């Protein structure tokens, strides 16, 4: 699985990174979680809280957006978008 992450401040793209993780023994949701954590480490940001809206968006569009309110600590960006590449 490959995830692309994009960070935005005031609707301006400030960073794009990708992370890859693959383990055929894991369910899709477990693989997604591990890849998301790797992507957050790569981008040096905390992992966001995954909400039901993220599940619906990801299932329908293979991408979702996390807003600054979905973090337990203060972040220096407005939104974080992830997109399934592979």
N, C-alpha and C. Protein backbone atom coordinates (compact mmCIF):
# COMPACT_ATOMS: atom_id res chain seq x y z
N UNK A 1 0.85 -1.17 0.00
CA UNK A 1 0.00 0.00 0.00
C UNK A 1 0.90 1.24 0.00
N UNK A 2 0.54 2.20 -0.83
CA UNK A 2 1.25 3.47 -0.88
C UNK A 2 0.26 4.59 -0.60
N UNK A 3 0.58 5.44 0.37
CA UNK A 3 -0.23 6.61 0.69
C UNK A 3 0.56 7.87 0.38
N UNK A 4 -0.13 8.84 -0.21
CA UNK A 4 0.45 10.15 -0.42
C UNK A 4 -0.18 11.10 0.58
N UNK A 5 0.65 11.89 1.23
CA UNK A 5 0.17 12.86 2.19
C UNK A 5 0.48 14.27 1.73
N UNK A 6 -0.46 15.17 1.95
CA UNK A 6 -0.29 16.59 1.58
C UNK A 6 -0.68 17.45 2.77
N UNK A 7 0.19 18.40 3.10
CA UNK A 7 -0.09 19.36 4.17
C UNK A 7 -0.41 20.72 3.58
N UNK A 8 -1.42 21.38 4.15
CA UNK A 8 -1.87 22.68 3.66
C UNK A 8 -1.91 23.69 4.81
N UNK A 9 -1.51 24.92 4.49
CA UNK A 9 -1.66 26.06 5.39
C UNK A 9 -2.34 27.15 4.57
N UNK A 10 -3.50 27.62 5.03
CA UNK A 10 -4.29 28.63 4.31
C UNK A 10 -4.51 28.23 2.85
N UNK A 11 -4.87 26.97 2.65
CA UNK A 11 -5.12 26.39 1.32
C UNK A 11 -3.90 26.40 0.41
N UNK A 12 -2.72 26.59 0.96
CA UNK A 12 -1.49 26.53 0.19
C UNK A 12 -0.76 25.23 0.53
N UNK A 13 -0.43 24.47 -0.51
CA UNK A 13 0.28 23.21 -0.33
C UNK A 13 1.70 23.49 0.16
N UNK A 14 2.06 22.90 1.30
CA UNK A 14 3.41 23.16 1.83
C UNK A 14 4.30 21.91 1.82
N UNK A 15 3.72 20.71 1.70
CA UNK A 15 4.53 19.50 1.69
C UNK A 15 3.77 18.34 1.08
N UNK A 16 4.49 17.52 0.33
CA UNK A 16 3.95 16.27 -0.22
C UNK A 16 4.97 15.17 0.07
N UNK A 17 4.50 14.06 0.62
CA UNK A 17 5.37 12.90 0.87
C UNK A 17 4.57 11.63 0.62
N UNK A 18 5.29 10.53 0.44
CA UNK A 18 4.66 9.22 0.28
C UNK A 18 5.25 8.25 1.29
N UNK A 19 4.45 7.27 1.67
CA UNK A 19 4.91 6.19 2.54
C UNK A 19 4.35 4.88 1.99
N UNK A 20 5.14 3.84 2.13
CA UNK A 20 4.74 2.53 1.62
C UNK A 20 4.89 1.49 2.71
N UNK A 21 3.89 0.62 2.80
CA UNK A 21 3.92 -0.49 3.75
C UNK A 21 3.11 -1.63 3.14
N UNK A 22 3.63 -2.83 3.26
CA UNK A 22 2.90 -3.97 2.72
C UNK A 22 3.08 -5.19 3.62
N UNK A 23 1.98 -5.79 3.99
CA UNK A 23 1.98 -7.03 4.76
C UNK A 23 0.70 -7.78 4.41
N UNK A 24 0.80 -8.75 3.50
CA UNK A 24 -0.39 -9.49 3.04
C UNK A 24 -1.16 -10.21 4.14
N UNK A 25 -0.52 -10.43 5.28
CA UNK A 25 -1.20 -11.14 6.37
C UNK A 25 -2.16 -10.22 7.14
N UNK A 26 -2.06 -8.91 6.92
CA UNK A 26 -2.92 -7.96 7.62
C UNK A 26 -4.17 -7.63 6.82
N UNK A 27 -5.24 -7.27 7.55
CA UNK A 27 -6.45 -6.77 6.88
C UNK A 27 -6.14 -5.39 6.30
N UNK A 28 -6.98 -4.95 5.37
CA UNK A 28 -6.78 -3.65 4.71
C UNK A 28 -6.72 -2.52 5.74
N UNK A 29 -7.62 -2.52 6.70
CA UNK A 29 -7.67 -1.44 7.69
C UNK A 29 -6.41 -1.41 8.55
N UNK A 30 -5.86 -2.57 8.87
CA UNK A 30 -4.62 -2.62 9.65
C UNK A 30 -3.43 -2.10 8.84
N UNK A 31 -3.41 -2.48 7.57
CA UNK A 31 -2.34 -2.02 6.67
C UNK A 31 -2.43 -0.50 6.48
N UNK A 32 -3.66 0.01 6.35
CA UNK A 32 -3.88 1.44 6.22
C UNK A 32 -3.38 2.18 7.45
N UNK A 33 -3.70 1.67 8.63
CA UNK A 33 -3.27 2.31 9.87
C UNK A 33 -1.75 2.37 9.97
N UNK A 34 -1.08 1.27 9.67
CA UNK A 34 0.38 1.24 9.75
C UNK A 34 1.02 2.17 8.73
N UNK A 35 0.45 2.22 7.52
CA UNK A 35 0.98 3.11 6.49
C UNK A 35 0.76 4.57 6.87
N UNK A 36 -0.39 4.88 7.44
CA UNK A 36 -0.68 6.25 7.89
C UNK A 36 0.31 6.68 8.97
N UNK A 37 0.60 5.80 9.91
CA UNK A 37 1.56 6.12 10.97
C UNK A 37 2.95 6.36 10.38
N UNK A 38 3.35 5.54 9.42
CA UNK A 38 4.64 5.75 8.75
C UNK A 38 4.67 7.09 8.02
N UNK A 39 3.58 7.43 7.35
CA UNK A 39 3.49 8.69 6.62
C UNK A 39 3.60 9.87 7.58
N UNK A 40 2.92 9.79 8.70
CA UNK A 40 2.99 10.87 9.70
C UNK A 40 4.41 11.03 10.23
N UNK A 41 5.10 9.92 10.47
CA UNK A 41 6.50 9.99 10.92
C UNK A 41 7.37 10.62 9.85
N UNK A 42 7.14 10.25 8.60
CA UNK A 42 7.91 10.80 7.49
C UNK A 42 7.71 12.31 7.37
N UNK A 43 6.49 12.77 7.65
CA UNK A 43 6.17 14.19 7.54
C UNK A 43 6.40 14.94 8.85
N UNK A 44 6.80 14.21 9.90
CA UNK A 44 7.07 14.78 11.22
C UNK A 44 5.85 15.51 11.79
N UNK A 45 4.71 14.81 11.72
CA UNK A 45 3.47 15.33 12.29
C UNK A 45 2.86 14.24 13.17
N UNK A 46 2.03 14.61 14.14
CA UNK A 46 1.36 13.58 14.96
C UNK A 46 0.28 12.87 14.14
N UNK A 47 -0.02 11.66 14.55
CA UNK A 47 -1.10 10.91 13.88
C UNK A 47 -2.44 11.53 14.25
N UNK A 48 -3.33 11.71 13.27
CA UNK A 48 -4.65 12.31 13.55
C UNK A 48 -5.61 11.29 14.14
N UNK A 49 -6.71 11.81 14.70
CA UNK A 49 -7.80 10.94 15.16
C UNK A 49 -8.65 10.59 13.93
N UNK A 50 -8.81 9.30 13.70
CA UNK A 50 -9.61 8.82 12.56
C UNK A 50 -11.07 8.81 12.98
N UNK A 51 -11.90 9.53 12.25
CA UNK A 51 -13.33 9.63 12.58
C UNK A 51 -14.16 8.92 11.51
N UNK A 52 -15.43 8.76 11.78
CA UNK A 52 -16.30 8.05 10.83
C UNK A 52 -16.35 8.76 9.48
N UNK A 53 -16.26 10.10 9.47
CA UNK A 53 -16.27 10.83 8.19
C UNK A 53 -15.06 10.44 7.35
N UNK A 54 -13.93 10.15 8.00
CA UNK A 54 -12.74 9.72 7.28
C UNK A 54 -12.94 8.35 6.65
N UNK A 55 -13.63 7.47 7.38
CA UNK A 55 -13.92 6.13 6.85
C UNK A 55 -14.80 6.24 5.61
N UNK A 56 -15.85 7.06 5.68
CA UNK A 56 -16.76 7.22 4.54
C UNK A 56 -16.05 7.84 3.35
N UNK A 57 -15.26 8.88 3.58
CA UNK A 57 -14.53 9.53 2.48
C UNK A 57 -13.52 8.57 1.85
N UNK A 58 -12.78 7.85 2.69
CA UNK A 58 -11.75 6.95 2.17
C UNK A 58 -12.36 5.80 1.39
N UNK A 59 -13.47 5.27 1.88
CA UNK A 59 -14.15 4.17 1.17
C UNK A 59 -14.70 4.63 -0.18
N UNK A 60 -15.23 5.84 -0.22
CA UNK A 60 -15.85 6.34 -1.46
C UNK A 60 -14.83 6.88 -2.46
N UNK A 61 -13.81 7.59 -1.98
CA UNK A 61 -12.92 8.32 -2.88
C UNK A 61 -11.44 7.92 -2.80
N UNK A 62 -11.11 6.97 -1.93
CA UNK A 62 -9.72 6.55 -1.71
C UNK A 62 -8.84 7.70 -1.25
N UNK A 63 -9.46 8.65 -0.58
CA UNK A 63 -8.74 9.77 0.03
C UNK A 63 -9.60 10.39 1.11
N UNK A 64 -8.96 11.11 2.02
CA UNK A 64 -9.68 11.80 3.08
C UNK A 64 -8.84 12.96 3.58
N UNK A 65 -9.49 13.86 4.30
CA UNK A 65 -8.82 15.05 4.83
C UNK A 65 -9.01 15.09 6.34
N UNK A 66 -7.92 15.39 7.03
CA UNK A 66 -7.93 15.59 8.48
C UNK A 66 -7.72 17.08 8.72
N UNK A 67 -8.53 17.66 9.60
CA UNK A 67 -8.39 19.07 9.94
C UNK A 67 -7.68 19.21 11.28
N UNK A 68 -7.20 20.39 11.58
CA UNK A 68 -6.39 20.62 12.78
C UNK A 68 -7.11 20.21 14.07
N UNK A 69 -8.43 20.23 14.07
CA UNK A 69 -9.20 19.83 15.24
C UNK A 69 -9.16 18.33 15.53
N UNK A 70 -8.63 17.54 14.60
CA UNK A 70 -8.55 16.09 14.77
C UNK A 70 -7.22 15.65 15.39
N UNK A 71 -6.50 16.59 15.98
CA UNK A 71 -5.22 16.27 16.62
C UNK A 71 -5.31 16.59 18.09
N UNK A 72 -4.69 15.76 18.91
CA UNK A 72 -4.72 15.99 20.35
C UNK A 72 -3.73 17.08 20.78
N UNK A 73 -2.81 17.41 19.89
CA UNK A 73 -1.87 18.49 20.17
C UNK A 73 -1.94 19.56 19.08
N UNK A 74 -1.42 20.71 19.36
CA UNK A 74 -1.47 21.81 18.41
C UNK A 74 -0.57 21.52 17.21
N UNK A 75 -1.10 21.78 16.00
CA UNK A 75 -0.32 21.56 14.78
C UNK A 75 -0.20 22.87 14.01
N UNK A 76 0.80 22.95 13.15
CA UNK A 76 1.08 24.19 12.41
C UNK A 76 0.56 24.15 10.98
N UNK A 77 -0.52 23.42 10.75
CA UNK A 77 -1.13 23.35 9.43
C UNK A 77 -2.64 23.29 9.60
N UNK A 78 -3.36 23.59 8.52
CA UNK A 78 -4.83 23.61 8.56
C UNK A 78 -5.45 22.26 8.23
N UNK A 79 -4.85 21.57 7.24
CA UNK A 79 -5.41 20.28 6.86
C UNK A 79 -4.31 19.37 6.33
N UNK A 80 -4.60 18.08 6.48
CA UNK A 80 -3.71 16.99 6.06
C UNK A 80 -4.54 16.06 5.21
N UNK A 81 -4.18 15.90 3.96
CA UNK A 81 -4.92 15.05 3.03
C UNK A 81 -4.11 13.79 2.76
N UNK A 82 -4.77 12.64 2.81
CA UNK A 82 -4.11 11.41 2.40
C UNK A 82 -4.87 10.84 1.21
N UNK A 83 -4.12 10.18 0.34
CA UNK A 83 -4.69 9.60 -0.87
C UNK A 83 -4.03 8.25 -1.10
N UNK A 84 -4.85 7.24 -1.40
CA UNK A 84 -4.33 5.91 -1.72
C UNK A 84 -3.76 5.94 -3.13
N UNK A 85 -2.49 5.61 -3.26
CA UNK A 85 -1.83 5.59 -4.58
C UNK A 85 -1.87 4.18 -5.15
N UNK A 86 -1.68 3.19 -4.31
CA UNK A 86 -1.58 1.82 -4.77
C UNK A 86 -2.31 0.90 -3.83
